[in-house]
């Protein structure tokens, strides 16, 4: 937001974009090159954010699934299911199940 503008204009997206365009046209060659360089860097980061967001989303999903399997295993242990049966159902290893069982 530009502090020199009246509030209605400062909050107007179209006017702000127009003002930024005018400011860009006043840049000399070296300022414009520096601006474009920063803009390219910003575009690069923004384009890669999608990949990073997808990776975080996938990791979160996997973590959630793992927690769900562990909770299912815990519930099955409380019901008296054998470690072997729970391992076959959840695909958790016996050692993972023994660790979960130790928390009971």
N, C-alpha and C. Protein backbone atom coordinates (compact mmCIF):
# COMPACT_ATOMS: atom_id res chain seq x y z
N UNK A 1 0.85 -1.18 0.00
CA UNK A 1 0.00 0.00 0.00
C UNK A 1 0.89 1.23 0.00
N UNK A 2 0.53 2.25 -0.76
CA UNK A 2 1.28 3.49 -0.84
C UNK A 2 0.71 4.48 0.17
N UNK A 3 1.56 4.95 1.07
CA UNK A 3 1.10 5.85 2.15
C UNK A 3 0.69 7.22 1.63
N UNK A 4 1.16 7.60 0.41
CA UNK A 4 0.86 8.92 -0.12
C UNK A 4 -0.49 9.00 -0.81
N UNK A 5 -1.15 7.88 -0.98
CA UNK A 5 -2.44 7.84 -1.67
C UNK A 5 -3.59 7.85 -0.68
N UNK A 6 -4.71 8.45 -1.09
CA UNK A 6 -5.91 8.32 -0.25
C UNK A 6 -6.28 6.85 -0.12
N UNK A 7 -6.80 6.46 1.02
CA UNK A 7 -7.09 5.06 1.32
C UNK A 7 -7.91 4.36 0.24
N UNK A 8 -8.98 4.96 -0.29
CA UNK A 8 -9.74 4.23 -1.33
C UNK A 8 -8.88 3.88 -2.55
N UNK A 9 -7.97 4.79 -2.95
CA UNK A 9 -7.12 4.51 -4.10
C UNK A 9 -6.02 3.51 -3.75
N UNK A 10 -5.48 3.63 -2.54
CA UNK A 10 -4.40 2.74 -2.12
C UNK A 10 -4.88 1.29 -2.06
N UNK A 11 -6.16 1.08 -1.80
CA UNK A 11 -6.71 -0.27 -1.70
C UNK A 11 -7.28 -0.78 -3.02
N UNK A 12 -7.30 0.06 -4.04
CA UNK A 12 -7.84 -0.32 -5.34
C UNK A 12 -6.77 -1.07 -6.13
N UNK A 13 -7.00 -2.34 -6.42
CA UNK A 13 -6.00 -3.18 -7.10
C UNK A 13 -5.68 -2.66 -8.49
N UNK A 14 -6.68 -2.22 -9.23
CA UNK A 14 -6.44 -1.71 -10.57
C UNK A 14 -5.56 -0.47 -10.52
N UNK A 15 -5.89 0.48 -9.64
CA UNK A 15 -5.12 1.72 -9.53
C UNK A 15 -3.69 1.43 -9.08
N UNK A 16 -3.53 0.51 -8.13
CA UNK A 16 -2.19 0.15 -7.66
C UNK A 16 -1.37 -0.44 -8.79
N UNK A 17 -1.99 -1.31 -9.61
CA UNK A 17 -1.29 -1.90 -10.75
C UNK A 17 -0.90 -0.83 -11.76
N UNK A 18 -1.79 0.09 -12.01
CA UNK A 18 -1.51 1.19 -12.93
C UNK A 18 -0.36 2.04 -12.42
N UNK A 19 -0.37 2.36 -11.13
CA UNK A 19 0.68 3.16 -10.52
C UNK A 19 2.03 2.44 -10.61
N UNK A 20 2.03 1.15 -10.35
CA UNK A 20 3.27 0.36 -10.46
C UNK A 20 3.79 0.36 -11.89
N UNK A 21 2.89 0.30 -12.86
CA UNK A 21 3.28 0.33 -14.27
C UNK A 21 3.94 1.65 -14.62
N UNK A 22 3.38 2.72 -14.12
CA UNK A 22 3.96 4.05 -14.37
C UNK A 22 5.35 4.15 -13.74
N UNK A 23 5.48 3.64 -12.52
CA UNK A 23 6.78 3.66 -11.84
C UNK A 23 7.81 2.87 -12.63
N UNK A 24 7.41 1.72 -13.19
CA UNK A 24 8.33 0.90 -13.98
C UNK A 24 8.82 1.64 -15.22
N UNK A 25 7.93 2.40 -15.84
CA UNK A 25 8.30 3.13 -17.05
C UNK A 25 9.29 4.25 -16.76
N UNK A 26 9.43 4.64 -15.51
CA UNK A 26 10.36 5.71 -15.13
C UNK A 26 11.75 5.17 -14.77
N UNK A 27 11.91 3.86 -14.76
CA UNK A 27 13.20 3.28 -14.40
C UNK A 27 14.21 3.47 -15.53
N UNK A 28 15.47 3.71 -15.15
CA UNK A 28 16.52 3.76 -16.17
C UNK A 28 16.89 2.32 -16.53
N UNK A 29 17.81 2.16 -17.49
CA UNK A 29 18.13 0.83 -18.01
C UNK A 29 18.65 -0.10 -16.91
N UNK A 30 19.57 0.36 -16.08
CA UNK A 30 20.13 -0.54 -15.05
C UNK A 30 19.09 -0.87 -13.98
N UNK A 31 18.23 0.09 -13.65
CA UNK A 31 17.16 -0.18 -12.68
C UNK A 31 16.17 -1.19 -13.25
N UNK A 32 15.87 -1.06 -14.55
CA UNK A 32 14.94 -1.97 -15.20
C UNK A 32 15.54 -3.38 -15.24
N UNK A 33 16.83 -3.50 -15.55
CA UNK A 33 17.48 -4.80 -15.57
C UNK A 33 17.45 -5.45 -14.18
N UNK A 34 17.70 -4.63 -13.15
CA UNK A 34 17.66 -5.15 -11.78
C UNK A 34 16.25 -5.60 -11.43
N UNK A 35 15.24 -4.80 -11.83
CA UNK A 35 13.85 -5.16 -11.57
C UNK A 35 13.49 -6.45 -12.28
N UNK A 36 13.84 -6.57 -13.56
CA UNK A 36 13.51 -7.76 -14.32
C UNK A 36 14.22 -8.98 -13.76
N UNK A 37 15.44 -8.80 -13.31
CA UNK A 37 16.16 -9.91 -12.69
C UNK A 37 15.43 -10.39 -11.45
N UNK A 38 15.00 -9.46 -10.61
CA UNK A 38 14.26 -9.82 -9.41
C UNK A 38 12.93 -10.46 -9.76
N UNK A 39 12.29 -9.95 -10.82
CA UNK A 39 11.01 -10.51 -11.25
C UNK A 39 11.19 -11.95 -11.73
N UNK A 40 12.26 -12.21 -12.48
CA UNK A 40 12.53 -13.57 -12.95
C UNK A 40 12.79 -14.52 -11.78
N UNK A 41 13.54 -14.03 -10.80
CA UNK A 41 13.80 -14.84 -9.60
C UNK A 41 12.49 -15.15 -8.90
N UNK A 42 11.64 -14.14 -8.75
CA UNK A 42 10.34 -14.33 -8.11
C UNK A 42 9.48 -15.33 -8.89
N UNK A 43 9.47 -15.21 -10.21
CA UNK A 43 8.70 -16.16 -11.03
C UNK A 43 9.22 -17.58 -10.85
N UNK A 44 10.55 -17.72 -10.77
CA UNK A 44 11.14 -19.03 -10.56
C UNK A 44 10.67 -19.63 -9.24
N UNK A 45 10.73 -18.82 -8.17
CA UNK A 45 10.31 -19.33 -6.87
C UNK A 45 8.82 -19.66 -6.85
N UNK A 46 8.02 -18.83 -7.48
CA UNK A 46 6.58 -19.07 -7.51
C UNK A 46 6.29 -20.36 -8.29
N UNK A 47 6.97 -20.56 -9.43
CA UNK A 47 6.71 -21.76 -10.22
C UNK A 47 7.14 -23.02 -9.46
N UNK A 48 8.21 -22.91 -8.66
CA UNK A 48 8.67 -24.07 -7.89
C UNK A 48 7.86 -24.28 -6.62
N UNK A 49 7.14 -23.26 -6.19
CA UNK A 49 6.32 -23.41 -4.99
C UNK A 49 5.26 -24.48 -5.19
N UNK A 50 4.74 -24.58 -6.41
CA UNK A 50 3.73 -25.60 -6.69
C UNK A 50 4.28 -26.99 -6.44
N UNK A 51 5.52 -27.22 -6.87
CA UNK A 51 6.14 -28.52 -6.64
C UNK A 51 6.38 -28.76 -5.16
N UNK A 52 6.84 -27.72 -4.46
CA UNK A 52 7.09 -27.86 -3.03
C UNK A 52 5.79 -28.09 -2.27
N UNK A 53 4.75 -27.39 -2.66
CA UNK A 53 3.45 -27.57 -2.01
C UNK A 53 2.95 -29.00 -2.23
N UNK A 54 3.11 -29.50 -3.45
CA UNK A 54 2.70 -30.87 -3.75
C UNK A 54 3.50 -31.86 -2.91
N UNK A 55 4.79 -31.59 -2.74
CA UNK A 55 5.63 -32.48 -1.94
C UNK A 55 5.22 -32.45 -0.47
N UNK A 56 4.96 -31.25 0.05
CA UNK A 56 4.51 -31.14 1.45
C UNK A 56 3.16 -31.84 1.62
N UNK A 57 2.29 -31.66 0.64
CA UNK A 57 0.97 -32.30 0.68
C UNK A 57 1.10 -33.82 0.70
N UNK A 58 1.97 -34.34 -0.17
CA UNK A 58 2.19 -35.79 -0.23
C UNK A 58 2.78 -36.29 1.08
N UNK A 59 3.78 -35.57 1.61
CA UNK A 59 4.38 -35.98 2.88
C UNK A 59 3.36 -35.97 4.01
N UNK A 60 2.51 -34.95 4.02
CA UNK A 60 1.47 -34.86 5.05
C UNK A 60 0.48 -36.00 4.92
N UNK A 61 0.12 -36.33 3.69
CA UNK A 61 -0.81 -37.43 3.44
C UNK A 61 -0.20 -38.75 3.92
N UNK A 62 1.07 -38.98 3.57
CA UNK A 62 1.73 -40.21 4.00
C UNK A 62 1.84 -40.28 5.52
N UNK A 63 2.14 -39.14 6.14
CA UNK A 63 2.25 -39.11 7.61
C UNK A 63 0.88 -39.41 8.23
N UNK A 64 -0.17 -38.85 7.65
CA UNK A 64 -1.52 -39.10 8.15
C UNK A 64 -1.91 -40.56 8.01
N UNK A 65 -1.57 -41.14 6.85
CA UNK A 65 -1.87 -42.56 6.64
C UNK A 65 -1.11 -43.43 7.64
N UNK A 66 0.15 -43.09 7.87
CA UNK A 66 0.97 -43.86 8.82
C UNK A 66 0.37 -43.76 10.23
N UNK A 67 -0.05 -42.56 10.61
CA UNK A 67 -0.66 -42.39 11.93
C UNK A 67 -1.96 -43.18 12.04
N UNK A 68 -2.71 -43.21 10.93
CA UNK A 68 -3.95 -43.99 10.92
C UNK A 68 -3.69 -45.47 11.08
N UNK A 69 -2.66 -45.97 10.40
CA UNK A 69 -2.29 -47.39 10.54
C UNK A 69 -1.85 -47.69 11.96
N UNK A 70 -1.09 -46.78 12.54
CA UNK A 70 -0.62 -46.99 13.92
C UNK A 70 -1.79 -46.98 14.90
N UNK A 71 -2.76 -46.11 14.66
CA UNK A 71 -3.94 -46.07 15.54
C UNK A 71 -4.77 -47.34 15.36
N UNK A 72 -4.89 -47.81 14.13
CA UNK A 72 -5.61 -49.07 13.88
C UNK A 72 -4.91 -50.22 14.59
N UNK A 73 -3.58 -50.25 14.50
CA UNK A 73 -2.81 -51.30 15.17
C UNK A 73 -3.01 -51.22 16.68
N UNK A 74 -3.00 -50.02 17.21
CA UNK A 74 -3.20 -49.84 18.65
C UNK A 74 -4.57 -50.36 19.07
N UNK A 75 -5.59 -50.02 18.29
CA UNK A 75 -6.95 -50.49 18.59
C UNK A 75 -7.02 -52.02 18.52
N UNK A 76 -6.36 -52.60 17.52
CA UNK A 76 -6.36 -54.06 17.38
C UNK A 76 -5.62 -54.73 18.53
N UNK A 77 -4.53 -54.12 18.97
CA UNK A 77 -3.80 -54.66 20.12
C UNK A 77 -4.66 -54.64 21.37
N UNK A 78 -5.40 -53.57 21.54
CA UNK A 78 -6.31 -53.46 22.70
C UNK A 78 -7.40 -54.53 22.65
N UNK A 79 -7.78 -54.93 21.44
CA UNK A 79 -8.82 -55.96 21.29
C UNK A 79 -8.24 -57.38 21.39
N UNK A 80 -6.91 -57.46 21.48
CA UNK A 80 -6.30 -58.77 21.65
C UNK A 80 -5.87 -59.47 20.39
N UNK A 81 -5.84 -58.77 19.26
CA UNK A 81 -5.36 -59.38 18.02
C UNK A 81 -3.87 -59.70 18.15
N UNK A 82 -3.44 -60.71 17.44
CA UNK A 82 -2.02 -61.09 17.48
C UNK A 82 -1.19 -60.10 16.66
N UNK A 83 0.09 -60.01 17.01
CA UNK A 83 0.99 -59.15 16.27
C UNK A 83 1.05 -59.57 14.80
N UNK A 84 1.06 -60.86 14.55
CA UNK A 84 1.12 -61.37 13.18
C UNK A 84 -0.11 -60.93 12.38
N UNK A 85 -1.31 -61.07 12.96
CA UNK A 85 -2.54 -60.66 12.26
C UNK A 85 -2.53 -59.16 11.97
N UNK A 86 -2.14 -58.38 12.97
CA UNK A 86 -2.13 -56.92 12.80
C UNK A 86 -1.11 -56.53 11.73
N UNK A 87 0.04 -57.20 11.72
CA UNK A 87 1.06 -56.92 10.72
C UNK A 87 0.55 -57.21 9.31
N UNK A 88 -0.18 -58.30 9.16
CA UNK A 88 -0.73 -58.65 7.85
C UNK A 88 -1.78 -57.64 7.40
N UNK A 89 -2.56 -57.13 8.35
CA UNK A 89 -3.63 -56.19 8.02
C UNK A 89 -3.08 -54.80 7.70
N UNK A 90 -2.11 -54.34 8.50
CA UNK A 90 -1.63 -52.96 8.39
C UNK A 90 -0.34 -52.80 7.59
N UNK A 91 0.32 -53.93 7.32
CA UNK A 91 1.66 -53.91 6.70
C UNK A 91 2.71 -53.23 7.57
N UNK A 92 2.43 -53.11 8.86
CA UNK A 92 3.44 -52.62 9.80
C UNK A 92 4.30 -53.82 10.22
N UNK A 93 5.57 -53.56 10.46
CA UNK A 93 6.46 -54.65 10.86
C UNK A 93 6.17 -55.06 12.30
N UNK A 94 6.60 -56.24 12.64
CA UNK A 94 6.43 -56.74 14.01
C UNK A 94 7.14 -55.81 14.99
N UNK A 95 8.33 -55.35 14.61
CA UNK A 95 9.07 -54.44 15.52
C UNK A 95 8.31 -53.12 15.71
N UNK A 96 7.67 -52.61 14.66
CA UNK A 96 6.85 -51.39 14.80
C UNK A 96 5.68 -51.67 15.75
N UNK A 97 5.08 -52.84 15.59
CA UNK A 97 3.94 -53.20 16.43
C UNK A 97 4.37 -53.39 17.89
N UNK A 98 5.54 -53.95 18.10
CA UNK A 98 6.04 -54.10 19.47
C UNK A 98 6.28 -52.75 20.11
N UNK A 99 6.75 -51.79 19.32
CA UNK A 99 6.94 -50.44 19.84
C UNK A 99 5.60 -49.81 20.22
N UNK A 100 4.60 -49.99 19.36
CA UNK A 100 3.25 -49.48 19.64
C UNK A 100 2.69 -50.16 20.89
N UNK A 101 2.91 -51.44 20.98
CA UNK A 101 2.41 -52.21 22.13
C UNK A 101 3.05 -51.73 23.44
N UNK A 102 4.29 -51.31 23.37
CA UNK A 102 4.98 -50.83 24.59
C UNK A 102 4.37 -49.54 25.12
N UNK A 103 3.60 -48.85 24.28
CA UNK A 103 2.95 -47.60 24.72
C UNK A 103 1.61 -47.85 25.42
N UNK A 104 1.16 -49.09 25.41
CA UNK A 104 -0.12 -49.43 26.05
C UNK A 104 -0.03 -49.32 27.57
